[in-house]
Amino acid sequence: MSPPVAPAGWSRWLVPPAALSVHLSIGQAYAWSVFKPPLESSLGLSGTQSALPFQLAIVMLGLSAAFGGTLVERNGPRWAMTVALVCFSSGFLISALGAATEQYWLIVLGYGFVGGIGLGIGYISPVSTLIKWFPDRPGMATGIAIMGFGGGALIASPWSTQMLESFGADSSGIALAFLVHGLSYAVFMSLGVLLVRVPRSERPVEGAPSAFQGPQVSANTAIRTPQFWCLWVVLCMNVTAGIGILEKAAPMIQDFFKNTSTPVSVSASAGFVALLSAANMAGRIGWSSTSDLIGRKNIYRVYLGFGAAMYALIALFGDSSKPLFILCAMVILSFYGGGFATIPAYLKDLFGTYQVGAIHGRLLTAWSTAGVLGPLIVNWIADHQKDAGKSGASLYGLSFVIMIGLLVVGFVANELVRPVNARHHIPAPREETVDVERQQPESA
């Protein structure tokens, strides 16, 4: 399958909106915590059980991105976006059936397994294309697209909350909300499928550097380098620390201030989820664009070092000041989002643009690992602390200390990153450059 090639005069600024339509949709995953309390009450689930669909979705995201990365490079972004649309929307429809029949395993299968495949393929679908369209500003380009994934919950959180209030928070209401999600996202994602194009040549902008400038390393070679595994650890630690808060955001802020004079209502906790989504989204474009100026290693020093400091502030003083808790959580989530948006450009700096999408897909197995670790650490410890008779902020103290330790590990791994040895380089893949004559007519 040949990807659609941009006709002469095609503006590269039409490609980020195509990517955004997909990423804003699949970014709904970050609003999963809105469904946790209704699922727990209507189906009799624990906090750990209600996190399972989300955890499996993140696992499948990483696995499908890893195994599908080469296919995405070969078949192009339109093919990948189509696969993402079908899987992600189908996942919601299967989950709707599961909620309607009160068969929890169908929700796990639909949202977690099928929808998770859509997450992974959709997530990596525009990354390689954007880097090739914007060789002069790769951090900004990937930040624009991946910003949508972080901002998806900004739309989905209040939207889902409103639907549950209108349809009811019982199993039938949850089923109807899932159904509306599946159909709506199918329509929205189709915009990206129709709009996306690949550049006609390796130099899409006059005066910009070649997309294939610098060292080039194949995907199979990249995963055998220490640089790849250092970045794997960096991403895994950063994601674990952020996702631990994000997955349990709504109930967490309620627990933190439950025994204070200013408890947090259900609607206010949904607003907190939306705030975190905004910080996540802003971090993706803001911090990744900053990385174009100060370098990738330096920006990860900020993510991991200052992230540990923010966790320490929450652990020590979070329950005594609501503004401090919210501010620190937002900073952590901005670093979390920034880490995701910056990693493709970091990979491009080290391994080049040749097969960068496939390398990025393999690296996202770190996200799969973190998707299990983060929620498991926070939920398992909170459940056991609750069984021990504790409540409020004490449910999370130990898990926050663990998160600080993980961020320190990630900081050390980032310090170990060095340029890739020249023996791993291959010649710039001119033969892989888009050649309109060899692919398809401009009208495609």
Protein backbone atom coordinates (compact mmCIF):
# COMPACT_ATOMS: atom_id res chain seq x y z
CA MET A 1 0.00 0.00 0.00
CA SER A 2 1.43 3.39 -1.03
CA PRO A 3 0.84 6.34 1.31
CA PRO A 4 -0.89 9.41 -0.15
CA VAL A 5 1.72 11.90 -1.40
CA ALA A 6 1.19 15.63 -1.02
CA PRO A 7 0.56 17.46 -4.32
CA ALA A 8 2.75 20.39 -5.31
CA GLY A 9 2.10 23.41 -3.10
CA TRP A 10 0.60 21.36 -0.27
CA SER A 11 1.06 23.15 3.06
CA ARG A 12 2.81 21.15 5.73
CA TRP A 13 0.64 22.91 8.32
CA LEU A 14 -2.30 20.77 7.18
CA VAL A 15 -0.60 17.67 8.57
CA PRO A 16 -0.68 18.57 12.31
CA PRO A 17 -4.51 18.98 12.28
CA ALA A 18 -4.78 15.52 10.72
CA ALA A 19 -2.63 14.12 13.51
CA LEU A 20 -4.59 16.06 16.13
CA SER A 21 -7.92 14.57 15.04
CA VAL A 22 -6.58 11.12 15.87
CA HIS A 23 -4.66 12.04 19.02
CA LEU A 24 -7.48 14.11 20.54
CA SER A 25 -9.72 11.07 20.12
CA ILE A 26 -7.45 8.38 21.53
CA GLY A 27 -6.45 10.81 24.31
CA GLN A 28 -9.79 9.91 25.90
CA ALA A 29 -7.81 7.21 27.68
CA TYR A 30 -6.65 9.84 30.15
CA ALA A 31 -10.23 10.44 31.25
CA TRP A 32 -10.73 6.81 32.30
CA SER A 33 -10.72 7.77 35.99
CA VAL A 34 -14.14 9.42 35.46
CA PHE A 35 -15.59 5.95 34.79
CA LYS A 36 -13.89 4.26 37.76
CA PRO A 37 -16.34 5.21 40.57
CA PRO A 38 -19.51 4.38 38.52
CA LEU A 39 -18.04 1.04 37.44
CA GLU A 40 -17.02 0.21 41.01
CA SER A 41 -20.49 0.98 42.39
CA SER A 42 -22.54 -0.59 39.59
CA LEU A 43 -20.45 -3.75 39.10
CA GLY A 44 -19.02 -4.13 42.61
CA LEU A 45 -15.37 -3.68 41.62
CA SER A 46 -12.33 -2.68 43.67
CA GLY A 47 -10.10 0.22 42.69
CA THR A 48 -7.53 -2.22 41.33
CA GLN A 49 -10.15 -4.05 39.26
CA SER A 50 -11.64 -0.87 37.80
CA ALA A 51 -8.15 0.16 36.67
CA LEU A 52 -7.69 -3.07 34.67
CA PRO A 53 -9.24 -1.89 31.34
CA PHE A 54 -7.01 1.20 31.41
CA GLN A 55 -3.93 -0.82 32.34
CA LEU A 56 -4.53 -3.37 29.58
CA ALA A 57 -5.15 -0.56 27.08
CA ILE A 58 -1.75 0.94 27.89
CA VAL A 59 -0.10 -2.49 27.66
CA MET A 60 -1.68 -3.06 24.25
CA LEU A 61 -0.69 0.46 23.21
CA GLY A 62 2.96 -0.35 23.73
CA LEU A 63 2.78 -3.84 22.23
CA SER A 64 0.83 -2.80 19.14
CA ALA A 65 3.13 0.18 18.62
CA ALA A 66 6.18 -2.08 18.93
CA PHE A 67 4.93 -4.80 16.60
CA GLY A 68 3.08 -2.47 14.25
CA GLY A 69 5.76 0.22 13.92
CA THR A 70 7.35 -1.35 10.85
CA LEU A 71 3.94 -1.74 9.19
CA VAL A 72 3.18 1.91 9.87
CA GLU A 73 6.47 2.93 8.23
CA ARG A 74 5.76 0.67 5.24
CA ASN A 75 2.06 1.41 4.66
CA GLY A 76 2.01 5.07 5.67
CA PRO A 77 -0.04 7.24 8.04
CA ARG A 78 -3.42 6.87 6.30
CA TRP A 79 -3.39 3.09 6.67
CA ALA A 80 -2.35 3.43 10.32
CA MET A 81 -5.04 6.00 11.11
CA THR A 82 -7.70 3.79 9.53
CA VAL A 83 -6.65 0.80 11.64
CA ALA A 84 -6.66 3.02 14.74
CA LEU A 85 -10.16 4.32 13.95
CA VAL A 86 -11.62 0.82 13.53
CA CYS A 87 -10.00 -0.64 16.67
CA PHE A 88 -10.55 2.32 19.00
CA SER A 89 -14.21 2.80 18.09
CA SER A 90 -14.91 -0.94 18.13
CA GLY A 91 -13.41 -1.12 21.60
CA PHE A 92 -16.01 1.33 22.89
CA LEU A 93 -18.85 -0.56 21.19
CA ILE A 94 -17.74 -3.88 22.75
CA SER A 95 -17.45 -2.13 26.13
CA ALA A 96 -20.97 -0.74 25.71
CA LEU A 97 -22.24 -4.29 25.25
CA GLY A 98 -20.29 -5.39 28.32
CA ALA A 99 -21.73 -2.62 30.48
CA ALA A 100 -25.28 -3.22 29.23
CA THR A 101 -25.06 -6.95 30.05
CA GLU A 102 -22.96 -6.37 33.19
CA GLN A 103 -20.21 -8.58 31.78
CA TYR A 104 -17.09 -6.87 33.05
CA TRP A 105 -14.77 -9.08 30.98
CA LEU A 106 -16.26 -7.56 27.81
CA ILE A 107 -15.28 -4.08 29.03
CA VAL A 108 -11.74 -5.34 29.65
CA LEU A 109 -11.68 -6.99 26.22
CA GLY A 110 -13.21 -4.04 24.38
CA TYR A 111 -11.61 -1.00 26.00
CA GLY A 112 -8.40 -2.73 27.10
CA PHE A 113 -7.50 -5.16 24.33
CA VAL A 114 -9.22 -4.02 21.11
CA GLY A 115 -9.23 -0.32 21.98
CA GLY A 116 -5.64 -0.56 23.20
CA ILE A 117 -4.51 -1.73 19.76
CA GLY A 118 -6.18 1.37 18.32
CA LEU A 119 -4.32 3.48 20.87
CA GLY A 120 -0.91 2.11 19.87
CA ILE A 121 -1.32 2.28 16.10
CA GLY A 122 -3.03 5.67 16.31
CA TYR A 123 -0.36 7.08 18.61
CA ILE A 124 2.57 6.35 16.29
CA SER A 125 0.65 6.88 13.04
CA PRO A 126 1.69 10.53 12.41
CA VAL A 127 5.03 10.76 14.26
CA SER A 128 7.45 9.73 11.50
CA THR A 129 5.50 11.75 8.93
CA LEU A 130 5.59 14.90 11.08
CA ILE A 131 9.34 14.61 11.66
CA LYS A 132 9.86 14.38 7.89
CA TRP A 133 7.60 17.39 7.27
CA PHE A 134 9.37 19.45 9.97
CA PRO A 135 13.08 18.50 9.94
CA ASP A 136 13.88 22.01 11.16
CA ARG A 137 11.63 21.78 14.27
CA PRO A 138 11.07 18.11 15.17
CA GLY A 139 10.34 18.77 18.85
CA MET A 140 7.64 21.30 18.05
CA ALA A 141 6.12 19.12 15.32
CA THR A 142 5.76 16.00 17.43
CA GLY A 143 4.65 18.17 20.35
CA ILE A 144 1.72 19.55 18.35
CA ALA A 145 0.44 16.07 17.53
CA ILE A 146 1.14 14.39 20.84
CA MET A 147 -0.36 17.45 22.56
CA GLY A 148 -3.68 16.13 21.28
CA PHE A 149 -3.25 12.86 23.14
CA GLY A 150 -2.65 14.76 26.35
CA GLY A 151 -5.55 17.12 25.68
CA GLY A 152 -8.04 14.42 24.81
CA ALA A 153 -9.21 14.17 28.41
CA LEU A 154 -9.76 17.93 28.50
CA ILE A 155 -12.70 17.24 26.20
CA ALA A 156 -13.57 13.71 27.29
CA SER A 157 -13.59 14.29 31.07
CA PRO A 158 -16.40 16.89 31.29
CA TRP A 159 -18.17 15.28 28.33
CA SER A 160 -18.15 11.85 29.99
CA THR A 161 -19.20 13.32 33.33
CA GLN A 162 -22.14 15.10 31.71
CA MET A 163 -23.23 11.93 29.93
CA LEU A 164 -23.13 9.92 33.15
CA GLU A 165 -25.22 12.60 34.85
CA SER A 166 -27.72 12.59 31.97
CA PHE A 167 -27.84 8.84 31.28
CA GLY A 168 -27.27 7.69 34.85
CA ALA A 169 -24.25 6.19 36.58
CA ASP A 170 -25.66 2.65 36.54
CA SER A 171 -24.62 -0.04 34.07
CA SER A 172 -27.13 1.04 31.39
CA GLY A 173 -26.01 4.66 31.62
CA ILE A 174 -22.35 3.64 31.34
CA ALA A 175 -23.24 1.49 28.31
CA LEU A 176 -24.94 4.40 26.55
CA ALA A 177 -21.98 6.69 27.29
CA PHE A 178 -19.59 4.11 25.80
CA LEU A 179 -21.79 3.83 22.70
CA VAL A 180 -21.82 7.60 22.12
CA HIS A 181 -18.05 7.71 22.55
CA GLY A 182 -17.45 4.98 20.00
CA LEU A 183 -19.63 6.52 17.29
CA SER A 184 -18.46 10.11 17.86
CA TYR A 185 -14.76 9.28 17.79
CA ALA A 186 -15.19 7.26 14.58
CA VAL A 187 -16.51 10.37 12.81
CA PHE A 188 -13.84 12.69 14.23
CA MET A 189 -10.91 10.37 13.47
CA SER A 190 -12.06 10.01 9.86
CA LEU A 191 -11.05 13.65 9.32
CA GLY A 192 -7.41 12.76 9.92
CA VAL A 193 -7.64 9.74 7.62
CA LEU A 194 -8.86 11.94 4.77
CA LEU A 195 -6.44 14.84 5.36
CA VAL A 196 -3.04 13.25 6.01
CA ARG A 197 -0.28 13.28 3.33
CA VAL A 198 3.44 12.42 3.18
CA PRO A 199 6.02 14.86 1.75
CA ARG A 200 7.12 14.62 -1.89
CA SER A 201 10.83 14.74 -1.06
CA GLU A 202 13.32 14.66 1.78
CA ARG A 203 13.48 18.47 1.85
CA PRO A 204 9.83 19.62 2.08
CA VAL A 205 10.71 23.23 2.96
CA GLU A 206 13.20 25.40 1.04
CA GLY A 207 16.24 26.13 3.19
CA ALA A 208 15.37 23.52 5.82
CA PRO A 209 17.76 20.65 6.53
CA SER A 210 17.22 17.32 4.82
CA ALA A 211 14.97 14.91 6.69
CA PHE A 212 17.80 12.38 6.39
CA GLN A 213 20.59 14.65 7.63
CA GLY A 214 22.86 13.23 10.32
CA PRO A 215 23.43 9.64 11.48
CA GLN A 216 20.91 7.00 10.40
CA VAL A 217 20.33 3.76 12.31
CA SER A 218 17.89 0.98 11.45
CA ALA A 219 15.27 -0.16 13.95
CA ASN A 220 16.79 -3.62 14.35
CA THR A 221 20.19 -2.10 15.08
CA ALA A 222 18.84 0.61 17.38
CA ILE A 223 17.35 -1.84 19.86
CA ARG A 224 20.81 -3.39 20.31
CA THR A 225 22.40 -0.11 21.41
CA PRO A 226 22.73 1.05 25.05
CA GLN A 227 21.24 4.41 24.02
CA PHE A 228 17.91 2.78 23.21
CA TRP A 229 17.69 1.04 26.56
CA CYS A 230 18.75 4.13 28.49
CA LEU A 231 15.89 6.00 26.82
CA TRP A 232 13.59 3.04 27.55
CA VAL A 233 14.34 3.41 31.27
CA VAL A 234 13.98 7.21 31.07
CA LEU A 235 10.55 6.98 29.45
CA CYS A 236 9.35 4.16 31.71
CA MET A 237 10.27 5.98 34.91
CA ASN A 238 8.81 9.31 33.78
CA VAL A 239 5.57 7.69 32.63
CA THR A 240 5.17 5.56 35.76
CA ALA A 241 5.44 8.66 37.95
CA GLY A 242 2.89 10.62 35.92
CA ILE A 243 0.39 7.87 35.20
CA GLY A 244 0.23 6.94 38.87
CA ILE A 245 -1.51 10.26 39.55
CA LEU A 246 -3.42 10.50 36.30
CA GLU A 247 -5.15 7.12 36.44
CA LYS A 248 -6.50 7.75 39.95
CA ALA A 249 -6.78 11.54 39.77
CA ALA A 250 -10.49 11.95 40.57
CA PRO A 251 -10.63 9.69 43.66
CA MET A 252 -7.13 10.77 44.77
CA ILE A 253 -7.97 14.44 45.26
CA GLN A 254 -11.19 13.46 47.04
CA ASP A 255 -9.21 11.19 49.42
CA PHE A 256 -6.53 13.83 50.08
CA PHE A 257 -9.03 16.39 51.36
CA LYS A 258 -11.74 14.04 52.64
CA ASN A 259 -10.96 14.70 56.30
CA THR A 260 -10.43 18.46 55.91
CA SER A 261 -12.75 21.45 56.12
CA THR A 262 -12.71 21.75 52.32
CA PRO A 263 -13.66 18.34 50.86
CA VAL A 264 -13.70 17.92 47.09
CA SER A 265 -16.98 17.07 45.36
CA VAL A 266 -17.38 14.61 42.48
CA SER A 267 -17.87 17.41 39.95
CA ALA A 268 -14.86 19.30 41.31
CA SER A 269 -12.71 16.17 41.03
CA ALA A 270 -13.74 15.89 37.37
CA GLY A 271 -12.57 19.49 36.99
CA PHE A 272 -9.25 18.47 38.54
CA VAL A 273 -8.91 15.72 35.90
CA ALA A 274 -9.53 18.36 33.24
CA LEU A 275 -6.86 20.63 34.77
CA LEU A 276 -4.36 17.79 34.71
CA SER A 277 -5.27 17.16 31.09
CA ALA A 278 -4.63 20.83 30.30
CA ALA A 279 -1.22 20.65 32.00
CA ASN A 280 -0.45 17.41 30.19
CA MET A 281 -1.39 19.00 26.88
CA ALA A 282 0.48 22.27 27.50
CA GLY A 283 3.60 20.36 28.55
CA ARG A 284 3.59 18.40 25.32
CA ILE A 285 3.86 21.45 23.09
CA GLY A 286 5.63 23.80 25.53
CA TRP A 287 8.38 21.54 26.85
CA SER A 288 8.99 19.74 23.54
CA SER A 289 9.37 23.09 21.75
CA THR A 290 11.78 24.18 24.50
CA SER A 291 13.82 21.04 23.80
CA ASP A 292 14.53 22.39 20.29
CA LEU A 293 16.31 25.27 22.03
CA ILE A 294 18.09 23.70 25.03
CA GLY A 295 18.53 20.10 23.87
CA ARG A 296 16.82 16.80 24.70
CA LYS A 297 19.12 15.69 27.53
CA ASN A 298 18.71 18.99 29.35
CA ILE A 299 14.93 18.96 29.12
CA TYR A 300 14.80 15.43 30.56
CA ARG A 301 16.94 16.62 33.44
CA VAL A 302 14.11 19.05 34.16
CA TYR A 303 11.37 16.41 33.79
CA LEU A 304 13.00 13.90 36.09
CA GLY A 305 14.80 16.13 38.61
CA PHE A 306 12.07 18.70 39.20
CA GLY A 307 9.45 15.96 38.94
CA ALA A 308 10.96 14.24 41.97
CA ALA A 309 10.90 17.56 43.85
CA MET A 310 7.19 18.05 43.04
CA TYR A 311 6.36 14.59 44.36
CA ALA A 312 8.27 15.35 47.54
CA LEU A 313 6.25 18.55 48.06
CA ILE A 314 2.95 16.69 47.65
CA ALA A 315 4.04 13.93 50.02
CA LEU A 316 5.11 16.43 52.70
CA PHE A 317 2.59 19.24 52.39
CA GLY A 318 -0.07 18.24 49.85
CA ASP A 319 -2.94 17.63 52.28
CA SER A 320 -2.41 20.98 54.02
CA SER A 321 -2.80 23.14 50.91
CA LYS A 322 -5.18 22.43 48.06
CA PRO A 323 -3.50 24.99 45.71
CA LEU A 324 -0.09 23.38 46.39
CA PHE A 325 -1.45 19.90 45.69
CA ILE A 326 -3.07 21.01 42.44
CA LEU A 327 -0.05 23.03 41.28
CA CYS A 328 2.46 20.24 41.95
CA ALA A 329 0.24 17.66 40.27
CA MET A 330 -0.11 19.91 37.22
CA VAL A 331 3.67 20.39 36.99
CA ILE A 332 4.21 16.61 37.23
CA LEU A 333 1.66 16.04 34.47
CA SER A 334 3.25 18.74 32.29
CA PHE A 335 6.58 16.88 32.62
CA TYR A 336 4.80 13.60 31.91
CA GLY A 337 3.31 15.00 28.71
CA GLY A 338 6.52 16.75 27.75
CA GLY A 339 8.42 13.48 28.09
CA PHE A 340 6.13 11.78 25.60
CA ALA A 341 6.32 14.63 23.10
CA THR A 342 10.09 14.99 23.31
CA ILE A 343 11.05 11.33 23.01
CA PRO A 344 10.51 11.09 19.20
CA ALA A 345 12.86 14.05 18.67
CA TYR A 346 15.38 12.50 21.09
CA LEU A 347 15.23 9.31 19.01
CA LYS A 348 15.62 11.31 15.80
CA ASP A 349 18.72 13.05 17.21
CA LEU A 350 20.33 9.72 18.12
CA PHE A 351 19.12 7.38 15.36
CA GLY A 352 18.00 9.63 12.48
CA THR A 353 14.68 9.67 10.62
CA TYR A 354 15.18 6.35 8.81
CA GLN A 355 12.71 3.99 10.57
CA VAL A 356 12.28 6.42 13.47
CA GLY A 357 8.60 5.47 13.62
CA ALA A 358 9.48 1.81 14.08
CA ILE A 359 12.10 2.67 16.74
CA HIS A 360 9.55 4.86 18.51
CA GLY A 361 7.04 2.02 18.43
CA ARG A 362 9.49 -0.36 20.07
CA LEU A 363 10.38 2.20 22.71
CA LEU A 364 6.71 2.52 23.68
CA THR A 365 6.93 -0.89 25.35
CA ALA A 366 8.28 1.25 28.18
CA TRP A 367 4.84 2.86 28.29
CA SER A 368 3.23 -0.61 28.48
CA THR A 369 5.39 -1.44 31.48
CA ALA A 370 4.66 1.91 33.12
CA GLY A 371 0.94 1.52 32.40
CA VAL A 372 0.97 -1.51 34.67
CA LEU A 373 3.46 -0.24 37.26
CA GLY A 374 2.01 3.22 37.91
CA PRO A 375 -1.64 2.29 38.57
CA LEU A 376 -0.62 -0.94 40.31
CA ILE A 377 1.68 0.83 42.77
CA VAL A 378 -0.83 3.56 43.62
CA ASN A 379 -4.00 1.40 43.68
CA TRP A 380 -2.49 -1.64 45.41
CA ILE A 381 -0.89 0.43 48.17
CA ALA A 382 -4.05 2.56 48.59
CA ASP A 383 -6.26 -0.55 48.84
CA HIS A 384 -4.00 -2.13 51.44
CA GLN A 385 -3.71 1.08 53.45
CA LYS A 386 -7.50 1.34 53.42
CA ASP A 387 -7.79 -2.25 54.66
CA ALA A 388 -5.40 -1.30 57.46
CA GLY A 389 -7.84 1.41 58.57
CA LYS A 390 -6.03 4.40 57.13
CA SER A 391 -7.64 7.18 55.11
CA GLY A 392 -6.95 10.51 53.43
CA ALA A 393 -3.45 11.42 52.29
CA SER A 394 -1.92 8.50 54.23
CA LEU A 395 -3.27 6.17 51.54
CA TYR A 396 -0.66 7.53 49.12
CA GLY A 397 2.45 8.40 51.14
CA LEU A 398 4.39 5.20 50.44
CA SER A 399 3.54 5.17 46.73
CA PHE A 400 4.78 8.75 46.37
CA VAL A 401 8.13 7.84 47.96
CA ILE A 402 8.44 5.00 45.43
CA MET A 403 7.71 7.43 42.58
CA ILE A 404 10.52 9.73 43.74
CA GLY A 405 12.92 6.80 43.67
CA LEU A 406 11.85 5.83 40.15
CA LEU A 407 12.40 9.38 38.89
CA VAL A 408 15.93 9.34 40.32
CA VAL A 409 16.61 6.09 38.42
CA GLY A 410 15.37 7.76 35.23
CA PHE A 411 17.59 10.80 35.87
CA VAL A 412 20.68 8.57 36.10
CA ALA A 413 19.71 6.72 32.89
CA ASN A 414 19.41 10.03 31.03
CA GLU A 415 22.90 11.03 32.18
CA LEU A 416 24.27 7.84 30.60
CA VAL A 417 22.99 8.67 27.09
CA ARG A 418 25.81 9.29 24.59
CA PRO A 419 25.87 9.65 20.75
CA VAL A 420 25.47 6.35 18.90
CA ASN A 421 28.76 4.78 17.80
CA ALA A 422 29.48 5.28 14.10
CA ARG A 423 29.69 1.52 13.52
CA HIS A 424 25.89 1.38 13.87
CA HIS A 425 25.27 4.04 11.20
CA ILE A 426 24.05 3.29 7.69
CA PRO A 427 24.31 5.60 4.65
CA ALA A 428 21.53 8.18 4.40
CA PRO A 429 18.64 6.18 2.85
CA ARG A 430 18.20 8.17 -0.34
CA GLU A 431 16.53 5.21 -1.94
CA GLU A 432 13.81 5.43 0.69
CA THR A 433 13.10 9.09 -0.10
CA VAL A 434 9.59 9.77 -1.32
CA ASP A 435 9.55 9.67 -5.10
CA VAL A 436 6.21 10.77 -6.50
CA GLU A 437 6.91 9.09 -9.82
CA ARG A 438 7.30 5.72 -8.08
CA GLN A 439 4.30 6.00 -5.81
CA GLN A 440 1.04 7.43 -7.05
CA PRO A 441 -0.50 10.40 -8.82
CA GLU A 442 -0.84 13.75 -7.09
CA SER A 443 -4.58 13.30 -7.00
CA ALA A 444 -4.24 10.47 -4.48
